[in-house]
């Protein structure tokens, strides 16, 4: 990621959204199968904890972006919902990629 991406609230939100989305996919498609198919519950404990932290960070940056960029309630809700659907944060990132900084 470029330095300019981290220099704005929107850039930081986009970065955390992508990382949170990746952690969600790892939890769903790697850790959960390891827990239930390979009897490795520690995979979910570790990945779930990391994902939980990233989700909280996502919500904090969502709030900051919502306020600073004066997003509508609908857009903020869509951002939140994107975090609940696998691959959702990647789709939302494409939608906001060209928003004003």
PDB file of N, CA and C in Angstrom:
ATOM      1  N   UNK A   1       0.850  -1.182   0.000  1.00  0.00           N
ATOM      2  CA  UNK A   1       0.000   0.000   0.000  1.00  0.00           C
ATOM      3  C   UNK A   1       0.894   1.242   0.000  1.00  0.00           C
ATOM      4  N   UNK A   2       0.455   2.219  -0.681  1.00  0.00           N
ATOM      5  CA  UNK A   2       1.282   3.415  -0.800  1.00  0.00           C
ATOM      6  C   UNK A   2       1.184   4.273   0.452  1.00  0.00           C
ATOM      7  N   UNK A   3       2.151   5.158   0.596  1.00  0.00           N
ATOM      8  CA  UNK A   3       2.177   6.058   1.735  1.00  0.00           C
ATOM      9  C   UNK A   3       0.956   6.970   1.733  1.00  0.00           C
ATOM     10  N   UNK A   4       0.505   7.393   0.558  1.00  0.00           N
ATOM     11  CA  UNK A   4      -0.641   8.290   0.471  1.00  0.00           C
ATOM     12  C   UNK A   4      -1.912   7.609   0.960  1.00  0.00           C
ATOM     13  N   UNK A   5      -2.005   6.302   0.793  1.00  0.00           N
ATOM     14  CA  UNK A   5      -3.176   5.565   1.276  1.00  0.00           C
ATOM     15  C   UNK A   5      -3.305   5.701   2.786  1.00  0.00           C
ATOM     16  N   UNK A   6      -2.201   5.684   3.482  1.00  0.00           N
ATOM     17  CA  UNK A   6      -2.231   5.776   4.935  1.00  0.00           C
ATOM     18  C   UNK A   6      -2.320   7.212   5.446  1.00  0.00           C
ATOM     19  N   UNK A   7      -2.238   8.179   4.547  1.00  0.00           N
ATOM     20  CA  UNK A   7      -2.234   9.573   4.981  1.00  0.00           C
ATOM     21  C   UNK A   7      -3.628  10.167   5.141  1.00  0.00           C
ATOM     22  N   UNK A   8      -4.663   9.429   4.754  1.00  0.00           N
ATOM     23  CA  UNK A   8      -6.030   9.932   4.892  1.00  0.00           C
ATOM     24  C   UNK A   8      -6.872   8.970   5.713  1.00  0.00           C
ATOM     25  N   UNK A   9      -7.927   9.488   6.277  1.00  0.00           N
ATOM     26  CA  UNK A   9      -8.861   8.635   7.025  1.00  0.00           C
ATOM     27  C   UNK A   9      -9.477   7.598   6.097  1.00  0.00           C
ATOM     28  N   UNK A  10      -9.834   8.005   4.889  1.00  0.00           N
ATOM     29  CA  UNK A  10     -10.428   7.065   3.938  1.00  0.00           C
ATOM     30  C   UNK A  10      -9.432   5.973   3.574  1.00  0.00           C
ATOM     31  N   UNK A  11      -8.182   6.340   3.375  1.00  0.00           N
ATOM     32  CA  UNK A  11      -7.161   5.351   3.057  1.00  0.00           C
ATOM     33  C   UNK A  11      -6.959   4.355   4.182  1.00  0.00           C
ATOM     34  N   UNK A  12      -6.924   4.850   5.402  1.00  0.00           N
ATOM     35  CA  UNK A  12      -6.774   3.954   6.555  1.00  0.00           C
ATOM     36  C   UNK A  12      -7.997   3.047   6.697  1.00  0.00           C
ATOM     37  N   UNK A  13      -9.189   3.618   6.461  1.00  0.00           N
ATOM     38  CA  UNK A  13     -10.403   2.800   6.511  1.00  0.00           C
ATOM     39  C   UNK A  13     -10.348   1.703   5.446  1.00  0.00           C
ATOM     40  N   UNK A  14      -9.958   2.064   4.231  1.00  0.00           N
ATOM     41  CA  UNK A  14      -9.883   1.074   3.155  1.00  0.00           C
ATOM     42  C   UNK A  14      -8.882  -0.026   3.497  1.00  0.00           C
ATOM     43  N   UNK A  15      -7.740   0.344   4.058  1.00  0.00           N
ATOM     44  CA  UNK A  15      -6.724  -0.638   4.418  1.00  0.00           C
ATOM     45  C   UNK A  15      -7.244  -1.595   5.488  1.00  0.00           C
ATOM     46  N   UNK A  16      -7.836  -1.063   6.542  1.00  0.00           N
ATOM     47  CA  UNK A  16      -8.341  -1.930   7.608  1.00  0.00           C
ATOM     48  C   UNK A  16      -9.496  -2.782   7.102  1.00  0.00           C
ATOM     49  N   UNK A  17     -10.299  -2.248   6.165  1.00  0.00           N
ATOM     50  CA  UNK A  17     -11.406  -3.023   5.608  1.00  0.00           C
ATOM     51  C   UNK A  17     -10.889  -4.233   4.833  1.00  0.00           C
ATOM     52  N   UNK A  18      -9.828  -4.036   4.070  1.00  0.00           N
ATOM     53  CA  UNK A  18      -9.245  -5.143   3.307  1.00  0.00           C
ATOM     54  C   UNK A  18      -8.639  -6.186   4.250  1.00  0.00           C
ATOM     55  N   UNK A  19      -7.907  -5.730   5.248  1.00  0.00           N
ATOM     56  CA  UNK A  19      -7.295  -6.666   6.202  1.00  0.00           C
ATOM     57  C   UNK A  19      -8.384  -7.410   6.976  1.00  0.00           C
ATOM     58  N   UNK A  20      -9.430  -6.698   7.384  1.00  0.00           N
ATOM     59  CA  UNK A  20     -10.540  -7.331   8.109  1.00  0.00           C
ATOM     60  C   UNK A  20     -11.225  -8.352   7.208  1.00  0.00           C
ATOM     61  N   UNK A  21     -11.405  -8.018   5.944  1.00  0.00           N
ATOM     62  CA  UNK A  21     -12.026  -8.952   5.005  1.00  0.00           C
ATOM     63  C   UNK A  21     -11.194 -10.217   4.825  1.00  0.00           C
ATOM     64  N   UNK A  22      -9.892 -10.061   4.752  1.00  0.00           N
ATOM     65  CA  UNK A  22      -9.004 -11.221   4.637  1.00  0.00           C
ATOM     66  C   UNK A  22      -9.101 -12.078   5.891  1.00  0.00           C
ATOM     67  N   UNK A  23      -9.105 -11.442   7.056  1.00  0.00           N
ATOM     68  CA  UNK A  23      -9.176 -12.214   8.305  1.00  0.00           C
ATOM     69  C   UNK A  23     -10.495 -12.976   8.399  1.00  0.00           C
ATOM     70  N   UNK A  24     -11.570 -12.384   7.884  1.00  0.00           N
ATOM     71  CA  UNK A  24     -12.875 -13.059   7.878  1.00  0.00           C
ATOM     72  C   UNK A  24     -12.839 -14.300   6.987  1.00  0.00           C
ATOM     73  N   UNK A  25     -12.222 -14.162   5.821  1.00  0.00           N
ATOM     74  CA  UNK A  25     -12.101 -15.308   4.922  1.00  0.00           C
ATOM     75  C   UNK A  25     -11.232 -16.410   5.528  1.00  0.00           C
ATOM     76  N   UNK A  26     -10.148 -16.026   6.174  1.00  0.00           N
ATOM     77  CA  UNK A  26      -9.286 -17.013   6.839  1.00  0.00           C
ATOM     78  C   UNK A  26     -10.074 -17.733   7.935  1.00  0.00           C
ATOM     79  N   UNK A  27     -10.844 -16.973   8.704  1.00  0.00           N
ATOM     80  CA  UNK A  27     -11.657 -17.577   9.763  1.00  0.00           C
ATOM     81  C   UNK A  27     -12.666 -18.564   9.183  1.00  0.00           C
ATOM     82  N   UNK A  28     -13.385 -18.146   8.148  1.00  0.00           N
ATOM     83  CA  UNK A  28     -14.434 -18.992   7.576  1.00  0.00           C
ATOM     84  C   UNK A  28     -13.911 -20.195   6.813  1.00  0.00           C
ATOM     85  N   UNK A  29     -12.883 -19.984   5.994  1.00  0.00           N
ATOM     86  CA  UNK A  29     -12.477 -21.019   5.054  1.00  0.00           C
ATOM     87  C   UNK A  29     -11.219 -21.794   5.434  1.00  0.00           C
ATOM     88  N   UNK A  30     -10.529 -21.365   6.481  1.00  0.00           N
ATOM     89  CA  UNK A  30      -9.349 -22.110   6.937  1.00  0.00           C
ATOM     90  C   UNK A  30      -9.533 -22.543   8.388  1.00  0.00           C
ATOM     91  N   UNK A  31      -9.766 -21.592   9.279  1.00  0.00           N
ATOM     92  CA  UNK A  31      -9.829 -21.920  10.709  1.00  0.00           C
ATOM     93  C   UNK A  31     -11.036 -22.797  11.051  1.00  0.00           C
ATOM     94  N   UNK A  32     -12.212 -22.442  10.513  1.00  0.00           N
ATOM     95  CA  UNK A  32     -13.408 -23.239  10.830  1.00  0.00           C
ATOM     96  C   UNK A  32     -13.281 -24.684  10.322  1.00  0.00           C
ATOM     97  N   UNK A  33     -12.846 -24.904   9.088  1.00  0.00           N
ATOM     98  CA  UNK A  33     -12.634 -26.296   8.668  1.00  0.00           C
ATOM     99  C   UNK A  33     -11.589 -27.027   9.514  1.00  0.00           C
ATOM    100  N   UNK A  34     -10.524 -26.312   9.917  1.00  0.00           N
ATOM    101  CA  UNK A  34      -9.535 -26.958  10.780  1.00  0.00           C
ATOM    102  C   UNK A  34     -10.162 -27.373  12.105  1.00  0.00           C
ATOM    103  N   UNK A  35     -11.025 -26.538  12.645  1.00  0.00           N
ATOM    104  CA  UNK A  35     -11.666 -26.854  13.922  1.00  0.00           C
ATOM    105  C   UNK A  35     -12.563 -28.086  13.791  1.00  0.00           C
ATOM    106  N   UNK A  36     -13.384 -28.099  12.767  1.00  0.00           N
ATOM    107  CA  UNK A  36     -14.400 -29.150  12.670  1.00  0.00           C
ATOM    108  C   UNK A  36     -13.960 -30.384  11.901  1.00  0.00           C
ATOM    109  N   UNK A  37     -12.992 -30.268  11.024  1.00  0.00           N
ATOM    110  CA  UNK A  37     -12.560 -31.436  10.251  1.00  0.00           C
ATOM    111  C   UNK A  37     -11.256 -32.045  10.759  1.00  0.00           C
ATOM    112  N   UNK A  38     -10.433 -31.220  11.397  1.00  0.00           N
ATOM    113  CA  UNK A  38      -9.130 -31.700  11.854  1.00  0.00           C
ATOM    114  C   UNK A  38      -8.998 -31.625  13.373  1.00  0.00           C
ATOM    115  N   UNK A  39     -10.105 -31.327  14.060  1.00  0.00           N
ATOM    116  CA  UNK A  39     -10.122 -31.232  15.520  1.00  0.00           C
ATOM    117  C   UNK A  39      -9.013 -30.305  16.039  1.00  0.00           C
ATOM    118  N   UNK A  40      -8.970 -29.101  15.445  1.00  0.00           N
ATOM    119  CA  UNK A  40      -7.978 -28.103  15.850  1.00  0.00           C
ATOM    120  C   UNK A  40      -8.709 -26.823  16.269  1.00  0.00           C
ATOM    121  N   UNK A  41      -9.317 -26.828  17.454  1.00  0.00           N
ATOM    122  CA  UNK A  41     -10.090 -25.647  17.869  1.00  0.00           C
ATOM    123  C   UNK A  41      -9.234 -24.398  18.094  1.00  0.00           C
ATOM    124  N   UNK A  42      -7.952 -24.578  18.316  1.00  0.00           N
ATOM    125  CA  UNK A  42      -7.082 -23.421  18.540  1.00  0.00           C
ATOM    126  C   UNK A  42      -7.040 -22.507  17.312  1.00  0.00           C
ATOM    127  N   UNK A  43      -7.232 -23.077  16.132  1.00  0.00           N
ATOM    128  CA  UNK A  43      -7.225 -22.266  14.907  1.00  0.00           C
ATOM    129  C   UNK A  43      -8.304 -21.190  14.965  1.00  0.00           C
ATOM    130  N   UNK A  44      -9.487 -21.550  15.448  1.00  0.00           N
ATOM    131  CA  UNK A  44     -10.589 -20.590  15.545  1.00  0.00           C
ATOM    132  C   UNK A  44     -10.344 -19.609  16.688  1.00  0.00           C
ATOM    133  N   UNK A  45      -9.785 -20.086  17.777  1.00  0.00           N
ATOM    134  CA  UNK A  45      -9.512 -19.179  18.902  1.00  0.00           C
ATOM    135  C   UNK A  45      -8.553 -18.073  18.497  1.00  0.00           C
ATOM    136  N   UNK A  46      -7.480 -18.440  17.829  1.00  0.00           N
ATOM    137  CA  UNK A  46      -6.477 -17.452  17.439  1.00  0.00           C
ATOM    138  C   UNK A  46      -7.013 -16.552  16.323  1.00  0.00           C
ATOM    139  N   UNK A  47      -7.486 -17.166  15.270  1.00  0.00           N
ATOM    140  CA  UNK A  47      -7.990 -16.391  14.131  1.00  0.00           C
ATOM    141  C   UNK A  47      -9.198 -15.553  14.531  1.00  0.00           C
ATOM    142  N   UNK A  48     -10.064 -16.112  15.360  1.00  0.00           N
ATOM    143  CA  UNK A  48     -11.242 -15.374  15.826  1.00  0.00           C
ATOM    144  C   UNK A  48     -10.863 -14.158  16.647  1.00  0.00           C
ATOM    145  N   UNK A  49      -9.852 -14.291  17.471  1.00  0.00           N
ATOM    146  CA  UNK A  49      -9.389 -13.152  18.273  1.00  0.00           C
ATOM    147  C   UNK A  49      -8.816 -12.051  17.390  1.00  0.00           C
ATOM    148  N   UNK A  50      -8.003 -12.426  16.429  1.00  0.00           N
ATOM    149  CA  UNK A  50      -7.421 -11.443  15.508  1.00  0.00           C
ATOM    150  C   UNK A  50      -8.538 -10.773  14.707  1.00  0.00           C
ATOM    151  N   UNK A  51      -9.446 -11.579  14.192  1.00  0.00           N
ATOM    152  CA  UNK A  51     -10.551 -11.025  13.415  1.00  0.00           C
ATOM    153  C   UNK A  51     -11.415 -10.101  14.282  1.00  0.00           C
ATOM    154  N   UNK A  52     -11.662 -10.475  15.511  1.00  0.00           N
ATOM    155  CA  UNK A  52     -12.448  -9.627  16.411  1.00  0.00           C
ATOM    156  C   UNK A  52     -11.800  -8.270  16.621  1.00  0.00           C
ATOM    157  N   UNK A  53     -10.504  -8.255  16.828  1.00  0.00           N
ATOM    158  CA  UNK A  53      -9.775  -6.989  16.974  1.00  0.00           C
ATOM    159  C   UNK A  53      -9.887  -6.158  15.698  1.00  0.00           C
ATOM    160  N   UNK A  54      -9.704  -6.808  14.546  1.00  0.00           N
ATOM    161  CA  UNK A  54      -9.784  -6.093  13.273  1.00  0.00           C
ATOM    162  C   UNK A  54     -11.193  -5.572  13.004  1.00  0.00           C
ATOM    163  N   UNK A  55     -12.211  -6.322  13.430  1.00  0.00           N
ATOM    164  CA  UNK A  55     -13.592  -5.866  13.254  1.00  0.00           C
ATOM    165  C   UNK A  55     -13.848  -4.601  14.077  1.00  0.00           C
ATOM    166  N   UNK A  56     -13.348  -4.580  15.301  1.00  0.00           N
ATOM    167  CA  UNK A  56     -13.495  -3.381  16.139  1.00  0.00           C
ATOM    168  C   UNK A  56     -12.770  -2.202  15.486  1.00  0.00           C
ATOM    169  N   UNK A  57     -11.557  -2.436  14.983  1.00  0.00           N
ATOM    170  CA  UNK A  57     -10.819  -1.374  14.295  1.00  0.00           C
ATOM    171  C   UNK A  57     -11.592  -0.910  13.059  1.00  0.00           C
ATOM    172  N   UNK A  58     -12.182  -1.848  12.326  1.00  0.00           N
ATOM    173  CA  UNK A  58     -13.001  -1.501  11.166  1.00  0.00           C
ATOM    174  C   UNK A  58     -14.141  -0.574  11.573  1.00  0.00           C
ATOM    175  N   UNK A  59     -14.816  -0.898  12.671  1.00  0.00           N
ATOM    176  CA  UNK A  59     -15.935  -0.078  13.121  1.00  0.00           C
ATOM    177  C   UNK A  59     -15.474   1.322  13.537  1.00  0.00           C
ATOM    178  N   UNK A  60     -14.321   1.419  14.178  1.00  0.00           N
ATOM    179  CA  UNK A  60     -13.785   2.730  14.578  1.00  0.00           C
ATOM    180  C   UNK A  60     -13.482   3.565  13.333  1.00  0.00           C
ATOM    181  N   UNK A  61     -12.797   2.965  12.361  1.00  0.00           N
ATOM    182  CA  UNK A  61     -12.464   3.706  11.139  1.00  0.00           C
ATOM    183  C   UNK A  61     -13.704   3.996  10.299  1.00  0.00           C
ATOM    184  N   UNK A  62     -14.697   3.126  10.352  1.00  0.00           N
ATOM    185  CA  UNK A  62     -15.965   3.407   9.676  1.00  0.00           C
ATOM    186  C   UNK A  62     -16.611   4.650  10.271  1.00  0.00           C
ATOM    187  N   UNK A  63     -16.637   4.732  11.588  1.00  0.00           N
ATOM    188  CA  UNK A  63     -17.211   5.904  12.252  1.00  0.00           C
ATOM    189  C   UNK A  63     -16.448   7.179  11.864  1.00  0.00           C
ATOM    190  N   UNK A  64     -15.124   7.095  11.865  1.00  0.00           N
ATOM    191  CA  UNK A  64     -14.310   8.254  11.492  1.00  0.00           C
ATOM    192  C   UNK A  64     -14.574   8.682  10.049  1.00  0.00           C
ATOM    193  N   UNK A  65     -14.631   7.713   9.137  1.00  0.00           N
ATOM    194  CA  UNK A  65     -14.893   8.034   7.727  1.00  0.00           C
ATOM    195  C   UNK A  65     -16.302   8.588   7.547  1.00  0.00           C
ATOM    196  N   UNK A  66     -17.269   8.019   8.243  1.00  0.00           N
ATOM    197  CA  UNK A  66     -18.654   8.463   8.152  1.00  0.00           C
ATOM    198  C   UNK A  66     -18.769   9.944   8.537  1.00  0.00           C
ATOM    199  N   UNK A  67     -18.117  10.299   9.620  1.00  0.00           N
ATOM    200  CA  UNK A  67     -18.180  11.682  10.099  1.00  0.00           C
ATOM    201  C   UNK A  67     -17.380  12.613   9.187  1.00  0.00           C
ATOM    202  N   UNK A  68     -16.123  12.259   8.919  1.00  0.00           N
ATOM    203  CA  UNK A  68     -15.242  13.162   8.164  1.00  0.00           C
ATOM    204  C   UNK A  68     -15.725  13.371   6.725  1.00  0.00           C
ATOM    205  N   UNK A  69     -16.208  12.307   6.086  1.00  0.00           N
ATOM    206  CA  UNK A  69     -16.600  12.411   4.681  1.00  0.00           C
ATOM    207  C   UNK A  69     -18.104  12.625   4.509  1.00  0.00           C
ATOM    208  N   UNK A  70     -18.789  12.807   5.636  1.00  0.00           N
ATOM    209  CA  UNK A  70     -20.218  13.093   5.636  1.00  0.00           C
ATOM    210  C   UNK A  70     -21.006  12.085   4.789  1.00  0.00           C
ATOM    211  N   UNK A  71     -20.673  10.796   5.030  1.00  0.00           N
ATOM    212  CA  UNK A  71     -21.394   9.738   4.333  1.00  0.00           C
ATOM    213  C   UNK A  71     -22.838   9.724   4.801  1.00  0.00           C
ATOM    214  N   UNK A  72     -23.719   9.313   3.930  1.00  0.00           N
ATOM    215  CA  UNK A  72     -25.119   9.150   4.316  1.00  0.00           C
ATOM    216  C   UNK A  72     -25.235   7.947   5.250  1.00  0.00           C
ATOM    217  N   UNK A  73     -26.355   7.894   5.956  1.00  0.00           N
ATOM    218  CA  UNK A  73     -26.607   6.745   6.819  1.00  0.00           C
ATOM    219  C   UNK A  73     -26.618   5.461   5.991  1.00  0.00           C
ATOM    220  N   UNK A  74     -27.180   5.535   4.797  1.00  0.00           N
ATOM    221  CA  UNK A  74     -27.236   4.364   3.922  1.00  0.00           C
ATOM    222  C   UNK A  74     -25.862   3.857   3.536  1.00  0.00           C
ATOM    223  N   UNK A  75     -24.965   4.774   3.204  1.00  0.00           N
ATOM    224  CA  UNK A  75     -23.611   4.382   2.808  1.00  0.00           C
ATOM    225  C   UNK A  75     -22.863   3.769   3.992  1.00  0.00           C
ATOM    226  N   UNK A  76     -23.021   4.361   5.176  1.00  0.00           N
ATOM    227  CA  UNK A  76     -22.377   3.817   6.373  1.00  0.00           C
ATOM    228  C   UNK A  76     -22.950   2.437   6.702  1.00  0.00           C
ATOM    229  N   UNK A  77     -24.249   2.285   6.531  1.00  0.00           N
ATOM    230  CA  UNK A  77     -24.893   0.984   6.782  1.00  0.00           C
ATOM    231  C   UNK A  77     -24.387  -0.055   5.785  1.00  0.00           C
ATOM    232  N   UNK A  78     -24.250   0.353   4.529  1.00  0.00           N
ATOM    233  CA  UNK A  78     -23.722  -0.552   3.507  1.00  0.00           C
ATOM    234  C   UNK A  78     -22.295  -0.981   3.851  1.00  0.00           C
ATOM    235  N   UNK A  79     -21.503  -0.045   4.346  1.00  0.00           N
ATOM    236  CA  UNK A  79     -20.135  -0.375   4.766  1.00  0.00           C
ATOM    237  C   UNK A  79     -20.163  -1.405   5.887  1.00  0.00           C
ATOM    238  N   UNK A  80     -21.027  -1.185   6.875  1.00  0.00           N
ATOM    239  CA  UNK A  80     -21.148  -2.139   7.979  1.00  0.00           C
ATOM    240  C   UNK A  80     -21.579  -3.505   7.468  1.00  0.00           C
ATOM    241  N   UNK A  81     -22.612  -3.530   6.637  1.00  0.00           N
ATOM    242  CA  UNK A  81     -23.114  -4.808   6.113  1.00  0.00           C
ATOM    243  C   UNK A  81     -22.055  -5.529   5.282  1.00  0.00           C
ATOM    244  N   UNK A  82     -21.200  -4.759   4.605  1.00  0.00           N
ATOM    245  CA  UNK A  82     -20.141  -5.384   3.805  1.00  0.00           C
ATOM    246  C   UNK A  82     -19.190  -6.203   4.667  1.00  0.00           C
ATOM    247  N   UNK A  83     -19.059  -5.816   5.925  1.00  0.00           N
ATOM    248  CA  UNK A  83     -18.153  -6.550   6.815  1.00  0.00           C
ATOM    249  C   UNK A  83     -18.749  -7.870   7.290  1.00  0.00           C
ATOM    250  N   UNK A  84     -20.036  -8.071   7.076  1.00  0.00           N
ATOM    251  CA  UNK A  84     -20.710  -9.290   7.525  1.00  0.00           C
ATOM    252  C   UNK A  84     -20.809 -10.352   6.436  1.00  0.00           C
ATOM    253  N   UNK A  85     -20.527  -9.966   5.202  1.00  0.00           N
ATOM    254  CA  UNK A  85     -20.670 -10.862   4.053  1.00  0.00           C
ATOM    255  C   UNK A  85     -19.273 -11.205   3.531  1.00  0.00           C
ATOM    256  N   UNK A  86     -18.992 -12.491   3.341  1.00  0.00           N
ATOM    257  CA  UNK A  86     -17.682 -12.841   2.779  1.00  0.00           C
ATOM    258  C   UNK A  86     -17.449 -12.096   1.460  1.00  0.00           C
ATOM    259  N   UNK A  87     -16.276 -11.538   1.313  1.00  0.00           N
ATOM    260  CA  UNK A  87     -15.851 -10.750   0.154  1.00  0.00           C
ATOM    261  C   UNK A  87     -16.520  -9.364   0.091  1.00  0.00           C
ATOM    262  N   UNK A  88     -17.386  -9.055   1.036  1.00  0.00           N
ATOM    263  CA  UNK A  88     -18.125  -7.795   1.023  1.00  0.00           C
ATOM    264  C   UNK A  88     -17.249  -6.571   1.136  1.00  0.00           C
ATOM    265  N   UNK A  89     -16.225  -6.632   1.965  1.00  0.00           N
ATOM    266  CA  UNK A  89     -15.367  -5.451   2.131  1.00  0.00           C
ATOM    267  C   UNK A  89     -14.591  -5.147   0.855  1.00  0.00           C
ATOM    268  N   UNK A  90     -14.287  -6.179   0.065  1.00  0.00           N
ATOM    269  CA  UNK A  90     -13.563  -5.963  -1.190  1.00  0.00           C
ATOM    270  C   UNK A  90     -14.468  -5.256  -2.201  1.00  0.00           C
ATOM    271  N   UNK A  91     -15.728  -5.656  -2.235  1.00  0.00           N
ATOM    272  CA  UNK A  91     -16.695  -5.016  -3.129  1.00  0.00           C
ATOM    273  C   UNK A  91     -16.918  -3.568  -2.699  1.00  0.00           C
ATOM    274  N   UNK A  92     -17.088  -3.343  -1.396  1.00  0.00           N
ATOM    275  CA  UNK A  92     -17.302  -1.978  -0.910  1.00  0.00           C
ATOM    276  C   UNK A  92     -16.076  -1.115  -1.177  1.00  0.00           C
ATOM    277  N   UNK A  93     -14.883  -1.685  -1.038  1.00  0.00           N
ATOM    278  CA  UNK A  93     -13.663  -0.932  -1.308  1.00  0.00           C
ATOM    279  C   UNK A  93     -13.648  -0.414  -2.741  1.00  0.00           C
ATOM    280  N   UNK A  94     -14.059  -1.242  -3.684  1.00  0.00           N
ATOM    281  CA  UNK A  94     -14.103  -0.790  -5.084  1.00  0.00           C
ATOM    282  C   UNK A  94     -15.088   0.352  -5.251  1.00  0.00           C
ATOM    283  N   UNK A  95     -16.186   0.315  -4.487  1.00  0.00           N
ATOM    284  CA  UNK A  95     -17.213   1.352  -4.578  1.00  0.00           C
ATOM    285  C   UNK A  95     -16.685   2.701  -4.074  1.00  0.00           C
ATOM    286  N   UNK A  96     -15.875   2.687  -3.022  1.00  0.00           N
ATOM    287  CA  UNK A  96     -15.416   3.953  -2.421  1.00  0.00           C
ATOM    288  C   UNK A  96     -14.021   4.370  -2.854  1.00  0.00           C
ATOM    289  N   UNK A  97     -13.377   3.568  -3.675  1.00  0.00           N
ATOM    290  CA  UNK A  97     -11.985   3.814  -4.055  1.00  0.00           C
ATOM    291  C   UNK A  97     -11.750   5.223  -4.585  1.00  0.00           C
ATOM    292  N   UNK A  98     -12.681   5.757  -5.321  1.00  0.00           N
ATOM    293  CA  UNK A  98     -12.473   7.076  -5.938  1.00  0.00           C
ATOM    294  C   UNK A  98     -13.145   8.209  -5.190  1.00  0.00           C
ATOM    295  N   UNK A  99     -13.629   7.957  -3.961  1.00  0.00           N
ATOM    296  CA  UNK A  99     -14.201   9.026  -3.164  1.00  0.00           C
ATOM    297  C   UNK A  99     -13.159  10.101  -2.893  1.00  0.00           C
ATOM    298  N   UNK A 100     -13.608  11.313  -2.721  1.00  0.00           N
ATOM    299  CA  UNK A 100     -12.700  12.448  -2.446  1.00  0.00           C
ATOM    300  C   UNK A 100     -11.944  12.206  -1.153  1.00  0.00           C
ATOM    301  N   UNK A 101     -10.692  12.622  -1.124  1.00  0.00           N
ATOM    302  CA  UNK A 101      -9.857  12.481   0.077  1.00  0.00           C
ATOM    303  C   UNK A 101      -9.885  13.733   0.886  1.00  0.00           C
TER     304      UNK A 101
END
